Amino acid sequence: MVEKVRRGVSMRRVARMFHVGFSTVRFWVKRAEGKRPCRVDWSDRPSGCRRSGNRTSEDVEVLVLTVRKQLRECSDLGEFGARAIQAELVNRGLAAPPSVRTIGRILERRGALDGRRRVRRPAPPRGWYLPDVASGKAEMDCFDIVEGLVIRDGPDVEVLNGCSLHGGLVASWPMSTVTAKTTVEALIEHWKSIGLPDYVQFDNDTPFQGPHQHRDVVSRVMRLCLSLGVTVVFAPPREPGFQATIEAFNGRWQEKVWRRFHHPSLAELQERSNRYVAAARLRAGARIEAAPERRSFPDSWTLDLQAHPRGRFVFIRRTNDQGTVTLLGRSFSLGDHWLHRLVRSEVDLDNAVIRFYALRRRDPAYQPLLCEIPYSLPKRPFKE
């Protein structure tokens, strides 16, 4: 519709051609005004503001919760309800303090009431377990494998899919079998064309992490990322939320490419997948432009698998009932004060240490250092 109008066709005629209302044509023409088609956000958005205009600001809500906590712990009177909080805000000289009913709604919304009602807390930001990713200063690519696909009268198919966390930049490689070698080739091809992210996240599949029966394994994929200065992140087992971005794209790819068409051969499936990826990137153009900047791929870089790995990589894990986490085929005890909890384990190869940070979805900004444990990666040749 926009192209027709830009070619000189009247909006009313375009509306008749596409069987839509005049206001619809005018809406999309105004959305694309002054922009190239590839730079327009064509995704539909709900009407109205994402946040109510009369809702209390975030700073005031945090202040209400802080005052409640202080009154509960230190008040001589022992009262910390909505009326007591409002009185304390007035005593502190807050201009236009919220009403008692507003304070009550804030406490209910934030789960600060003493009742036993189920509280739906706000979701943490994307990549909340990595502070620079959560703040939007760093980009992270996520990759996963779709298995169990079979072309009728043809070969089995596996698909390596990728999607960036902030930009939504997708990629897909249908192939007969996804291995560590094919993954490395796909990552090199992908990053040469779009640039390097700061982080890359995988699940714990063997093509990504390497064999699990050996200790201190640094896989082919990990060595590739470390040599390029990309921090590898491994999501925790059986924790679906950490892979939500790539799992959502896996579902879209299967719905829009695999189930939608009949594919006589692997080559035709690859062609159809490439067309879908190109269309998805075009639609997400504005989001991709707004994402954190990527680093350029080094021109003189070569992959040396026998070089001793340097840099750092991250394991997101959950402690057991004894406060122990398992990674790199080893068990590390963090003490009995953080049981059945999430931790971010940063393996720093340059300084020969593993740092363990506490993680809580309820309070994503609270990530204290639990402990540091010395760790040195053994020097041994990489086996093909």
Protein backbone atom coordinates (compact mmCIF):
# COMPACT_ATOMS: atom_id res chain seq x y z
CA MET A 1 0.00 0.00 0.00
CA VAL A 2 2.77 2.41 0.89
CA GLU A 3 4.62 1.69 -2.36
CA LYS A 4 1.45 2.37 -4.38
CA VAL A 5 0.93 5.72 -2.65
CA ARG A 6 4.56 6.69 -3.15
CA ARG A 7 4.17 5.95 -6.86
CA GLY A 8 1.39 8.53 -7.07
CA VAL A 9 -1.76 6.45 -6.58
CA SER A 10 -4.32 8.16 -4.36
CA MET A 11 -4.95 6.75 -0.90
CA ARG A 12 -8.64 6.14 -1.57
CA ARG A 13 -7.86 4.18 -4.71
CA VAL A 14 -5.26 2.13 -2.84
CA ALA A 15 -7.83 1.42 -0.13
CA ARG A 16 -10.24 0.07 -2.75
CA MET A 17 -7.49 -2.03 -4.35
CA PHE A 18 -6.55 -3.73 -1.06
CA HIS A 19 -10.10 -3.85 0.35
CA VAL A 20 -9.23 -1.86 3.46
CA GLY A 21 -10.41 1.41 4.91
CA PHE A 22 -8.98 4.79 4.00
CA SER A 23 -7.81 5.29 7.59
CA THR A 24 -5.77 2.06 7.39
CA VAL A 25 -3.87 3.28 4.32
CA ARG A 26 -3.29 6.67 5.91
CA PHE A 27 -2.04 4.99 9.11
CA TRP A 28 0.66 2.95 7.34
CA VAL A 29 1.69 5.82 5.06
CA LYS A 30 2.19 8.00 8.11
CA ARG A 31 4.14 5.21 9.85
CA ALA A 32 6.52 4.99 6.86
CA GLU A 33 6.80 8.74 6.28
CA GLY A 34 10.36 9.84 5.59
CA LYS A 35 11.81 6.31 5.88
CA ARG A 36 12.97 3.65 3.47
CA PRO A 37 10.81 0.50 3.50
CA CYS A 38 13.61 -1.57 5.01
CA ARG A 39 13.87 0.84 7.95
CA VAL A 40 10.17 0.92 8.86
CA ASP A 41 8.83 -1.08 11.80
CA TRP A 42 5.92 -2.86 10.11
CA SER A 43 4.90 -4.82 13.18
CA ASP A 44 1.49 -3.96 14.55
CA ARG A 45 1.27 -2.46 18.02
CA PRO A 46 -1.69 -2.24 20.38
CA SER A 47 -3.33 1.13 20.76
CA GLY A 48 -2.66 3.18 23.85
CA CYS A 49 0.37 3.50 26.11
CA ARG A 50 2.27 0.48 27.34
CA ARG A 51 2.11 2.01 30.85
CA SER A 52 -0.87 3.87 32.21
CA GLY A 53 -0.31 7.62 32.22
CA ASN A 54 -1.55 8.06 35.79
CA ARG A 55 0.38 5.18 37.27
CA THR A 56 2.75 5.99 40.11
CA SER A 57 6.38 6.35 39.02
CA GLU A 58 8.89 3.59 39.62
CA ASP A 59 10.94 5.77 42.00
CA VAL A 60 7.92 6.44 44.24
CA GLU A 61 7.01 2.73 44.32
CA VAL A 62 10.55 1.83 45.38
CA LEU A 63 10.43 4.55 48.06
CA VAL A 64 7.14 3.16 49.42
CA LEU A 65 8.64 -0.32 49.70
CA THR A 66 11.78 1.05 51.36
CA VAL A 67 9.79 3.03 53.93
CA ARG A 68 7.64 -0.03 54.70
CA LYS A 69 10.73 -2.13 55.33
CA GLN A 70 12.26 0.56 57.58
CA LEU A 71 9.04 0.97 59.57
CA ARG A 72 8.66 -2.77 59.99
CA GLU A 73 12.20 -3.15 61.33
CA CYS A 74 12.76 0.11 63.25
CA SER A 75 9.44 1.78 64.04
CA ASP A 76 8.82 2.25 67.78
CA LEU A 77 5.08 1.97 67.21
CA GLY A 78 5.43 -1.19 65.15
CA GLU A 79 3.00 -0.07 62.44
CA PHE A 80 3.94 -0.33 58.78
CA GLY A 81 0.62 -0.27 56.90
CA ALA A 82 -0.47 2.12 54.17
CA ARG A 83 -1.49 4.90 56.60
CA ALA A 84 1.77 4.65 58.54
CA ILE A 85 3.76 4.76 55.27
CA GLN A 86 1.89 7.86 54.07
CA ALA A 87 2.46 9.60 57.40
CA GLU A 88 6.18 8.82 57.20
CA LEU A 89 6.36 10.17 53.63
CA VAL A 90 4.69 13.39 54.79
CA ASN A 91 7.15 13.68 57.70
CA ARG A 92 10.04 13.30 55.23
CA GLY A 93 8.71 16.24 53.23
CA LEU A 94 7.84 14.35 50.06
CA ALA A 95 5.99 16.61 47.64
CA ALA A 96 2.55 15.21 46.75
CA PRO A 97 2.81 11.83 48.50
CA PRO A 98 0.51 9.09 47.14
CA SER A 99 -2.82 8.48 48.79
CA VAL A 100 -3.47 5.65 51.23
CA ARG A 101 -5.36 3.64 48.57
CA THR A 102 -2.55 4.16 46.06
CA ILE A 103 0.02 2.97 48.60
CA GLY A 104 -2.15 -0.09 49.26
CA ARG A 105 -2.25 -0.90 45.52
CA ILE A 106 1.52 -0.49 45.31
CA LEU A 107 2.04 -2.92 48.17
CA GLU A 108 -0.38 -5.41 46.62
CA ARG A 109 1.20 -5.13 43.17
CA ARG A 110 4.71 -5.62 44.56
CA GLY A 111 3.76 -8.53 46.82
CA ALA A 112 4.52 -6.66 50.03
CA LEU A 113 1.31 -7.57 51.84
CA ASP A 114 1.18 -10.19 54.58
CA GLY A 115 -1.62 -12.14 52.90
CA ARG A 116 -1.01 -15.48 51.20
CA ARG A 117 -2.26 -14.49 47.76
CA ARG A 118 -0.20 -15.52 44.76
CA VAL A 119 1.96 -12.63 43.59
CA ARG A 120 2.75 -12.12 39.91
CA ARG A 121 5.94 -10.11 40.03
CA PRO A 122 7.29 -8.21 37.03
CA ALA A 123 9.41 -10.35 34.72
CA PRO A 124 13.15 -9.68 34.92
CA PRO A 125 14.77 -7.95 31.92
CA ARG A 126 16.23 -9.91 29.01
CA GLY A 127 19.52 -11.55 29.98
CA TRP A 128 19.02 -10.52 33.62
CA TYR A 129 21.71 -12.97 34.79
CA LEU A 130 24.39 -10.97 32.91
CA PRO A 131 24.42 -7.35 34.13
CA ASP A 132 25.76 -5.71 30.94
CA VAL A 133 23.28 -7.66 28.80
CA ALA A 134 20.37 -6.77 31.07
CA SER A 135 21.28 -3.07 30.91
CA GLY A 136 21.32 -3.14 27.10
CA LYS A 137 25.05 -2.47 26.81
CA ALA A 138 25.95 -5.88 25.31
CA GLU A 139 24.33 -8.19 22.77
CA MET A 140 23.99 -11.95 23.13
CA ASP A 141 23.31 -14.51 20.39
CA CYS A 142 21.40 -17.67 21.34
CA PHE A 143 21.67 -20.95 19.42
CA ASP A 144 19.82 -24.24 19.62
CA ILE A 145 19.19 -27.41 17.59
CA VAL A 146 15.83 -28.63 16.26
CA GLU A 147 15.91 -32.43 15.94
CA GLY A 148 13.58 -35.20 14.80
CA LEU A 149 12.58 -33.78 11.39
CA VAL A 150 12.30 -36.18 8.44
CA ILE A 151 11.74 -35.34 4.78
CA ARG A 152 9.30 -37.81 3.22
CA ASP A 153 11.26 -40.39 1.21
CA GLY A 154 14.37 -38.41 2.07
CA PRO A 155 16.99 -37.83 4.76
CA ASP A 156 16.60 -36.92 8.40
CA VAL A 157 16.98 -33.21 9.08
CA GLU A 158 18.41 -31.23 11.95
CA VAL A 159 18.33 -27.43 12.12
CA LEU A 160 20.75 -25.08 13.85
CA ASN A 161 18.82 -21.92 14.72
CA GLY A 162 20.07 -18.65 16.11
CA CYS A 163 18.49 -15.45 17.41
CA SER A 164 20.00 -12.37 19.05
CA LEU A 165 18.52 -11.38 22.40
CA HIS A 166 18.04 -7.63 21.92
CA GLY A 167 17.96 -7.26 18.14
CA GLY A 168 15.94 -10.34 17.25
CA LEU A 169 18.35 -11.03 14.39
CA VAL A 170 17.63 -14.62 13.33
CA ALA A 171 19.57 -17.26 11.40
CA SER A 172 18.89 -20.87 10.42
CA TRP A 173 20.92 -23.72 8.90
CA PRO A 174 18.97 -26.88 7.98
CA MET A 175 21.37 -29.81 7.47
CA SER A 176 21.51 -33.56 7.75
CA THR A 177 23.34 -33.58 11.11
CA VAL A 178 24.43 -30.74 13.39
CA THR A 179 27.94 -31.44 14.66
CA ALA A 180 30.60 -29.35 16.35
CA LYS A 181 32.35 -28.82 12.98
CA THR A 182 29.21 -27.71 11.16
CA THR A 183 28.32 -25.43 14.08
CA VAL A 184 31.73 -23.76 13.92
CA GLU A 185 31.38 -23.25 10.15
CA ALA A 186 27.90 -21.77 10.59
CA LEU A 187 29.01 -19.41 13.38
CA ILE A 188 31.98 -18.16 11.35
CA GLU A 189 29.76 -17.54 8.32
CA HIS A 190 27.12 -15.81 10.46
CA TRP A 191 29.48 -13.55 12.41
CA LYS A 192 31.48 -12.58 9.33
CA SER A 193 28.31 -11.18 7.78
CA ILE A 194 26.79 -9.39 10.82
CA GLY A 195 29.63 -8.91 13.31
CA LEU A 196 30.56 -10.39 16.67
CA PRO A 197 28.31 -10.26 19.76
CA ASP A 198 29.64 -9.87 23.28
CA TYR A 199 28.05 -13.14 24.45
CA VAL A 200 26.78 -16.34 22.86
CA GLN A 201 24.49 -18.74 24.71
CA PHE A 202 23.96 -22.47 24.18
CA ASP A 203 22.28 -25.30 25.99
CA ASN A 204 24.34 -28.26 27.18
CA ASP A 205 24.17 -30.39 24.01
CA THR A 206 27.34 -32.25 23.05
CA PRO A 207 27.99 -30.30 19.80
CA PHE A 208 28.25 -27.13 21.87
CA GLN A 209 29.77 -28.20 25.19
CA GLY A 210 31.68 -31.30 24.14
CA PRO A 211 31.57 -34.80 25.67
CA HIS A 212 30.21 -34.85 29.22
CA GLN A 213 32.03 -37.99 30.41
CA HIS A 214 35.40 -36.21 30.63
CA ARG A 215 36.67 -33.48 32.90
CA ASP A 216 37.91 -30.03 31.88
CA VAL A 217 36.58 -30.24 28.32
CA VAL A 218 36.79 -27.07 26.23
CA SER A 219 34.96 -27.95 23.04
CA ARG A 220 35.62 -26.87 19.47
CA VAL A 221 32.78 -24.34 19.63
CA MET A 222 34.04 -22.92 22.92
CA ARG A 223 37.57 -22.55 21.52
CA LEU A 224 36.18 -20.70 18.50
CA CYS A 225 34.30 -18.23 20.70
CA LEU A 226 37.21 -17.73 23.12
CA SER A 227 39.60 -17.03 20.24
CA LEU A 228 37.25 -14.31 18.97
CA GLY A 229 36.71 -12.72 22.39
CA VAL A 230 33.08 -13.86 22.62
CA THR A 231 32.03 -15.02 26.09
CA VAL A 232 30.29 -18.41 26.03
CA VAL A 233 27.26 -18.87 28.30
CA PHE A 234 25.70 -22.27 29.03
CA ALA A 235 22.09 -22.25 30.21
CA PRO A 236 21.17 -24.42 33.20
CA PRO A 237 19.65 -27.85 32.54
CA ARG A 238 15.87 -28.13 32.85
CA GLU A 239 15.39 -24.37 33.26
CA PRO A 240 13.27 -23.39 30.23
CA GLY A 241 13.17 -19.65 30.86
CA PHE A 242 16.82 -19.07 30.00
CA GLN A 243 16.35 -20.37 26.43
CA ALA A 244 12.97 -18.70 25.87
CA THR A 245 14.20 -16.46 23.04
CA ILE A 246 15.64 -19.21 20.88
CA GLU A 247 12.90 -21.70 21.76
CA ALA A 248 10.32 -19.18 20.58
CA PHE A 249 12.15 -18.83 17.26
CA ASN A 250 12.37 -22.63 16.97
CA GLY A 251 8.60 -22.76 17.23
CA ARG A 252 8.10 -20.00 14.66
CA TRP A 253 10.51 -21.64 12.23
CA GLN A 254 8.74 -25.00 12.46
CA GLU A 255 5.34 -23.35 12.05
CA LYS A 256 6.21 -20.96 9.21
CA VAL A 257 8.72 -23.07 7.27
CA TRP A 258 8.61 -26.76 8.15
CA ARG A 259 4.87 -27.41 8.57
CA ARG A 260 3.67 -24.81 6.10
CA PHE A 261 5.24 -26.26 2.95
CA HIS A 262 6.12 -29.61 1.44
CA HIS A 263 9.87 -29.95 0.95
CA PRO A 264 10.92 -32.57 -1.64
CA SER A 265 14.62 -32.21 -0.78
CA LEU A 266 17.01 -30.73 1.74
CA ALA A 267 18.14 -28.12 -0.80
CA GLU A 268 14.60 -26.82 -1.22
CA LEU A 269 14.14 -26.72 2.54
CA GLN A 270 17.31 -24.65 2.84
CA GLU A 271 16.09 -22.27 0.15
CA ARG A 272 12.72 -21.83 1.84
CA SER A 273 14.41 -21.31 5.22
CA ASN A 274 16.75 -18.66 3.77
CA ARG A 275 13.78 -16.75 2.37
CA TYR A 276 12.01 -16.83 5.72
CA VAL A 277 15.13 -15.62 7.55
CA ALA A 278 15.54 -12.74 5.09
CA ALA A 279 11.89 -11.72 5.53
CA ALA A 280 12.15 -11.94 9.34
CA ARG A 281 15.25 -9.76 9.37
CA LEU A 282 13.54 -7.19 7.15
CA ARG A 283 10.56 -7.00 9.49
CA ALA A 284 12.83 -6.62 12.54
CA GLY A 285 14.99 -3.95 10.89
CA ALA A 286 14.20 -1.21 13.40
CA ARG A 287 14.83 -3.52 16.35
CA ILE A 288 18.11 -4.72 14.85
CA GLU A 289 19.26 -1.12 14.35
CA ALA A 290 18.46 -0.29 17.99
CA ALA A 291 20.36 -3.28 19.39
CA PRO A 292 23.82 -2.93 21.00
CA GLU A 293 26.61 -2.49 18.49
CA ARG A 294 28.55 -5.54 17.32
CA ARG A 295 32.29 -5.83 16.82
CA SER A 296 33.67 -6.40 13.36
CA PHE A 297 35.07 -9.83 12.54
CA PRO A 298 38.92 -9.72 12.50
CA ASP A 299 40.40 -9.96 9.01
CA SER A 300 43.58 -11.89 9.83
CA TRP A 301 41.97 -14.34 12.27
CA THR A 302 42.49 -18.10 11.99
CA LEU A 303 41.18 -20.81 14.29
CA ASP A 304 43.97 -22.63 16.14
CA LEU A 305 42.38 -25.50 18.04
CA GLN A 306 45.67 -26.48 19.67
CA ALA A 307 46.23 -23.09 21.28
CA HIS A 308 45.64 -23.11 25.03
CA PRO A 309 42.25 -21.41 25.67
CA ARG A 310 42.24 -17.94 27.18
CA GLY A 311 39.44 -15.67 28.33
CA ARG A 312 36.32 -16.60 30.26
CA PHE A 313 33.12 -18.58 29.87
CA VAL A 314 30.02 -18.80 32.03
CA PHE A 315 27.87 -21.63 33.37
CA ILE A 316 24.44 -20.83 34.83
CA ARG A 317 23.75 -23.57 37.34
CA ARG A 318 21.55 -24.39 40.35
CA THR A 319 22.99 -25.68 43.60
CA ASN A 320 21.77 -28.96 45.08
CA ASP A 321 20.63 -29.68 48.64
CA GLN A 322 24.26 -29.62 49.77
CA GLY A 323 25.17 -26.31 48.14
CA THR A 324 27.20 -27.96 45.36
CA VAL A 325 27.27 -27.12 41.66
CA THR A 326 28.67 -29.28 38.86
CA LEU A 327 30.50 -27.92 35.82
CA LEU A 328 33.43 -29.02 33.67
CA GLY A 329 32.95 -32.52 35.08
CA ARG A 330 33.80 -31.31 38.59
CA SER A 331 31.79 -30.50 41.70
CA PHE A 332 32.33 -27.27 43.63
CA SER A 333 30.93 -26.68 47.11
CA LEU A 334 29.58 -23.18 47.80
CA GLY A 335 28.51 -23.78 51.38
CA ASP A 336 25.13 -24.40 52.99
CA HIS A 337 23.80 -20.80 52.80
CA TRP A 338 22.70 -20.94 49.13
CA LEU A 339 20.84 -24.22 48.62
CA HIS A 340 18.71 -24.98 45.56
CA ARG A 341 19.56 -21.53 44.20
CA LEU A 342 20.77 -20.21 40.87
CA VAL A 343 24.41 -19.15 40.51
CA ARG A 344 26.47 -17.64 37.72
CA SER A 345 29.79 -19.46 37.50
CA GLU A 346 32.42 -17.42 35.66
CA VAL A 347 35.46 -19.47 34.68
CA ASP A 348 38.36 -17.01 34.32
CA LEU A 349 41.12 -18.90 32.55
CA ASP A 350 43.56 -15.97 32.56
CA ASN A 351 43.47 -15.63 36.36
CA ALA A 352 42.95 -19.36 37.10
CA VAL A 353 39.82 -18.85 39.20
CA ILE A 354 36.08 -19.54 39.12
CA ARG A 355 33.82 -16.83 40.57
CA PHE A 356 30.35 -17.79 41.76
CA TYR A 357 27.65 -15.10 41.90
CA ALA A 358 24.21 -15.48 43.50
CA LEU A 359 21.18 -15.05 41.22
CA ARG A 360 17.53 -14.40 42.07
CA ARG A 361 14.77 -13.80 39.54
CA ARG A 362 12.80 -11.93 42.19
CA ASP A 363 15.64 -9.44 42.62
CA PRO A 364 17.69 -9.56 39.38
CA ALA A 365 19.95 -6.66 40.40
CA TYR A 366 21.12 -8.53 43.52
CA GLN A 367 24.09 -10.61 42.35
CA PRO A 368 26.68 -10.72 45.14
CA LEU A 369 29.89 -12.70 44.88
CA LEU A 370 29.50 -15.90 46.88
CA CYS A 371 33.06 -17.20 46.65
CA GLU A 372 36.12 -17.64 44.46
CA ILE A 373 37.65 -21.08 43.93
CA PRO A 374 41.05 -21.59 42.30
CA TYR A 375 40.86 -23.50 39.02
CA SER A 376 43.51 -24.08 36.39
CA LEU A 377 42.67 -25.65 33.04
CA PRO A 378 45.09 -28.53 32.29
CA LYS A 379 47.33 -28.03 29.28
CA ARG A 380 46.71 -30.87 26.87
CA PRO A 381 46.28 -31.17 23.10
CA PHE A 382 42.84 -30.87 21.54
CA LYS A 383 41.63 -34.17 20.12
CA GLU A 384 39.72 -34.04 16.83
